[in-house]
Protein backbone atom coordinates (compact mmCIF):
# COMPACT_ATOMS: atom_id res chain seq x y z
CA UNK A 1 16.77 2.26 -20.16
CA UNK A 2 13.31 0.68 -20.18
CA UNK A 3 14.41 -1.81 -22.83
CA UNK A 4 17.45 -2.69 -20.73
CA UNK A 5 15.26 -3.19 -17.65
CA UNK A 6 13.00 -5.49 -19.64
CA UNK A 7 16.03 -7.46 -20.83
CA UNK A 8 17.13 -7.87 -17.22
CA UNK A 9 13.68 -9.02 -16.13
CA UNK A 10 13.45 -11.51 -19.01
CA UNK A 11 16.92 -12.85 -18.19
CA UNK A 12 15.94 -13.28 -14.55
CA UNK A 13 12.66 -14.99 -15.42
CA UNK A 14 14.57 -17.37 -17.71
CA UNK A 15 16.89 -18.31 -14.84
CA UNK A 16 19.89 -16.39 -16.18
CA UNK A 17 20.62 -14.76 -12.82
CA UNK A 18 24.18 -13.65 -13.65
CA UNK A 19 23.02 -11.94 -16.84
CA UNK A 20 20.16 -10.22 -15.00
CA UNK A 21 22.50 -9.14 -12.20
CA UNK A 22 24.95 -7.62 -14.70
CA UNK A 23 22.19 -5.67 -16.45
CA UNK A 24 20.66 -4.42 -13.20
CA UNK A 25 24.05 -3.50 -11.74
CA UNK A 26 24.89 -1.47 -14.84
CA UNK A 27 21.55 0.36 -14.61
CA UNK A 28 21.85 0.75 -10.84
CA UNK A 29 25.25 2.42 -11.30
CA UNK A 30 23.49 4.85 -13.64
CA UNK A 31 20.99 5.64 -10.86
CA UNK A 32 17.93 3.84 -12.23
CA UNK A 33 15.51 3.28 -9.29
CA UNK A 34 13.89 0.17 -10.84
CA UNK A 35 17.33 -1.42 -11.15
CA UNK A 36 18.04 -0.75 -7.46
CA UNK A 37 14.71 -2.38 -6.67
CA UNK A 38 15.34 -5.46 -8.82
CA UNK A 39 18.78 -5.99 -7.31
CA UNK A 40 17.27 -5.64 -3.83
CA UNK A 41 14.65 -8.26 -4.60
CA UNK A 42 17.36 -10.60 -5.90
CA UNK A 43 19.16 -10.06 -2.58
CA UNK A 44 16.02 -10.85 -0.60
CA UNK A 45 15.35 -14.00 -2.63
CA UNK A 46 18.88 -15.23 -1.97
CA UNK A 47 19.98 -14.99 -5.61
CA UNK A 48 22.85 -12.67 -4.68
CA UNK A 49 25.21 -12.42 -1.72
CA UNK A 50 24.61 -9.53 0.63
CA UNK A 51 21.15 -10.38 1.90
CA UNK A 52 18.88 -8.07 3.86
CA UNK A 53 21.38 -5.28 4.69
CA UNK A 54 22.32 -4.80 1.03
CA UNK A 55 18.69 -5.10 -0.02
CA UNK A 56 17.67 -2.35 2.42
CA UNK A 57 20.28 0.04 1.04
CA UNK A 58 19.14 -0.67 -2.52
CA UNK A 59 15.46 -0.33 -1.62
CA UNK A 60 16.10 3.01 0.07
CA UNK A 61 17.93 4.24 -3.04
CA UNK A 62 14.98 3.15 -5.17
CA UNK A 63 12.50 4.80 -2.78
CA UNK A 64 14.55 7.99 -2.73
CA UNK A 65 14.34 7.90 -6.52
CA UNK A 66 10.54 7.86 -6.28
CA UNK A 67 10.03 4.14 -6.89
CA UNK A 68 6.78 3.57 -4.98
CA UNK A 69 7.00 -0.24 -5.04
CA UNK A 70 10.26 0.03 -3.11
CA UNK A 71 8.55 2.19 -0.47
CA UNK A 72 5.86 -0.47 -0.02
CA UNK A 73 8.47 -3.23 0.17
CA UNK A 74 10.41 -1.31 2.83
CA UNK A 75 7.20 -0.92 4.82
CA UNK A 76 6.56 -4.67 4.63
CA UNK A 77 10.11 -5.50 5.69
CA UNK A 78 9.79 -3.27 8.73
CA UNK A 79 6.32 -4.59 9.50
CA UNK A 80 7.28 -8.26 9.41
CA UNK A 81 10.60 -7.75 11.20
CA UNK A 82 12.87 -8.67 8.29
CA UNK A 83 14.51 -5.23 8.27
CA UNK A 84 15.66 -5.14 11.89
CA UNK A 85 15.02 -8.56 13.37
CA UNK A 86 11.81 -7.40 15.04
CA UNK A 87 8.64 -5.74 13.88
CA UNK A 88 9.01 -1.95 13.67
CA UNK A 89 5.48 -0.66 13.14
CA UNK A 90 6.35 3.06 13.34
CA UNK A 91 8.93 2.62 10.55
CA UNK A 92 6.45 0.57 8.55
CA UNK A 93 3.86 3.32 8.97
CA UNK A 94 6.32 5.98 7.78
CA UNK A 95 7.14 3.99 4.63
CA UNK A 96 3.48 3.20 3.94
CA UNK A 97 2.64 6.89 4.42
CA UNK A 98 5.32 7.89 1.95
CA UNK A 99 4.01 5.38 -0.60
CA UNK A 100 0.40 6.41 0.06
CA UNK A 101 1.27 10.04 -0.54
CA UNK A 102 2.91 8.98 -3.82
CA UNK A 103 -0.33 7.28 -4.89
CA UNK A 104 -0.08 3.61 -3.88
CA UNK A 105 -3.62 2.42 -3.21
CA UNK A 106 -2.32 -0.57 -1.24
CA UNK A 107 -0.31 1.79 0.96
CA UNK A 108 -3.32 4.11 1.38
CA UNK A 109 -5.30 1.20 2.84
CA UNK A 110 -2.38 0.28 5.11
CA UNK A 111 -1.99 3.86 6.34
CA UNK A 112 -5.73 4.17 6.96
CA UNK A 113 -5.70 0.92 8.92
CA UNK A 114 -2.68 2.08 10.94
CA UNK A 115 -4.51 5.25 11.93
CA UNK A 116 -7.74 3.35 12.59
CA UNK A 117 -6.07 0.79 14.88
CA UNK A 118 -3.27 2.96 16.26
CA UNK A 119 -0.77 0.55 14.73
CA UNK A 120 2.66 2.19 14.51
CA UNK A 121 1.10 5.61 15.04
CA UNK A 122 -1.49 7.31 17.22
CA UNK A 123 -5.12 6.43 16.59
CA UNK A 124 -6.56 9.16 14.38
CA UNK A 125 -10.00 8.48 12.94
CA UNK A 126 -9.97 11.60 10.77
CA UNK A 127 -6.74 10.45 9.11
CA UNK A 128 -8.11 6.91 8.79
CA UNK A 129 -11.16 8.30 7.00
CA UNK A 130 -9.01 10.47 4.77
CA UNK A 131 -6.86 7.56 3.59
CA UNK A 132 -9.74 5.08 3.25
CA UNK A 133 -11.49 7.72 1.12
CA UNK A 134 -8.37 8.12 -1.05
CA UNK A 135 -8.17 4.36 -1.60
CA UNK A 136 -11.92 4.14 -2.21
CA UNK A 137 -11.70 6.91 -4.80
CA UNK A 138 -8.99 4.86 -6.50
CA UNK A 139 -11.32 1.85 -6.66
CA UNK A 140 -10.40 -0.27 -3.63
CA UNK A 141 -13.63 -2.10 -2.73
CA UNK A 142 -12.64 -2.82 0.87
CA UNK A 143 -11.85 0.85 1.40
CA UNK A 144 -15.25 1.76 -0.06
CA UNK A 145 -16.93 -0.42 2.55
CA UNK A 146 -14.78 0.94 5.37
CA UNK A 147 -15.31 4.61 4.55
CA UNK A 148 -19.03 3.88 4.26
CA UNK A 149 -19.01 2.36 7.74
CA UNK A 150 -17.15 5.39 9.08
CA UNK A 151 -19.77 7.73 7.61
CA UNK A 152 -22.49 5.51 9.03
CA UNK A 153 -21.01 5.56 12.54
CA UNK A 154 -19.58 9.09 12.46
CA UNK A 155 -16.02 7.84 13.04
CA UNK A 156 -13.49 10.47 11.97
CA UNK A 157 -16.15 12.15 9.84
CA UNK A 158 -19.52 13.68 10.51
CA UNK A 159 -22.25 11.05 10.52
CA UNK A 160 -23.81 11.11 7.07
CA UNK A 161 -26.08 8.24 6.10
CA UNK A 162 -26.37 9.48 2.53
CA UNK A 163 -22.61 9.36 2.04
CA UNK A 164 -22.53 5.99 3.78
CA UNK A 165 -25.19 4.76 1.36
CA UNK A 166 -23.22 6.16 -1.59
CA UNK A 167 -20.05 4.28 -0.62
CA UNK A 168 -21.87 1.08 0.30
CA UNK A 169 -23.62 1.20 -3.09
CA UNK A 170 -20.29 1.58 -4.90
CA UNK A 171 -18.87 -1.35 -2.95
CA UNK A 172 -21.99 -3.41 -3.69
CA UNK A 173 -21.74 -2.57 -7.39
CA UNK A 174 -18.15 -3.83 -7.26
CA UNK A 175 -19.32 -7.17 -5.87
CA UNK A 176 -19.17 -6.78 -2.08
CA UNK A 177 -22.08 -8.89 -0.78
CA UNK A 178 -22.02 -7.37 2.71
CA UNK A 179 -22.29 -3.92 1.17
CA UNK A 180 -25.44 -4.98 -0.67
CA UNK A 181 -27.08 -5.78 2.65
CA UNK A 182 -25.95 -2.44 4.09
CA UNK A 183 -27.48 -0.61 1.11
CA UNK A 184 -30.89 -2.13 1.88
CA UNK A 185 -30.50 -1.40 5.59
CA UNK A 186 -29.54 2.24 5.03
CA UNK A 187 -32.31 2.84 2.54
CA UNK A 188 -34.71 1.83 5.31
CA UNK A 189 -32.92 3.93 7.92
CA UNK A 190 -32.92 7.03 5.73
CA UNK A 191 -36.69 7.06 5.93
CA UNK A 192 -36.30 7.78 9.66
CA UNK A 193 -34.78 11.08 10.92
CA UNK A 194 -31.46 11.30 12.73
CA UNK A 195 -28.21 9.44 12.52
């Protein structure tokens, strides 16, 4: 199946849309989530008739088959209003949460931000911290900085300057210039008691 998927992708990239469609349709009929996803993307790009409604059905099939990229795409379509004609932040949050739970670092950051801002869900700083920490543990530099700032301020977590310093240092080591400044600042603050 993987070889067939690759053939379909190569055909599409070479501009042989009908050939790609035939390959993906055959695989989609066999229940291959990546094929559902590729057909959906062809629908969204206007390569195939059917458009957004057909794409949504295909993306949901792919997501139900565990295809995380489809979950993220569904979240985006609900967020930007493509799915329903208006932005549906609660639906976007649900799809991002599903993708985050399945391991998508991008979705983990989106879910954390949703909880932090109360965007499509209730504000929940503890959940924001949880998901920023997940994304930070997976290497997302922005999430490292954000979880550090939450530890520094005691937002959703107990104030802990040492943990804040740890996360800022990781972000700084990954190239975040603002985090480098925070490392120096916290090193000075840790010499004084209290948070």
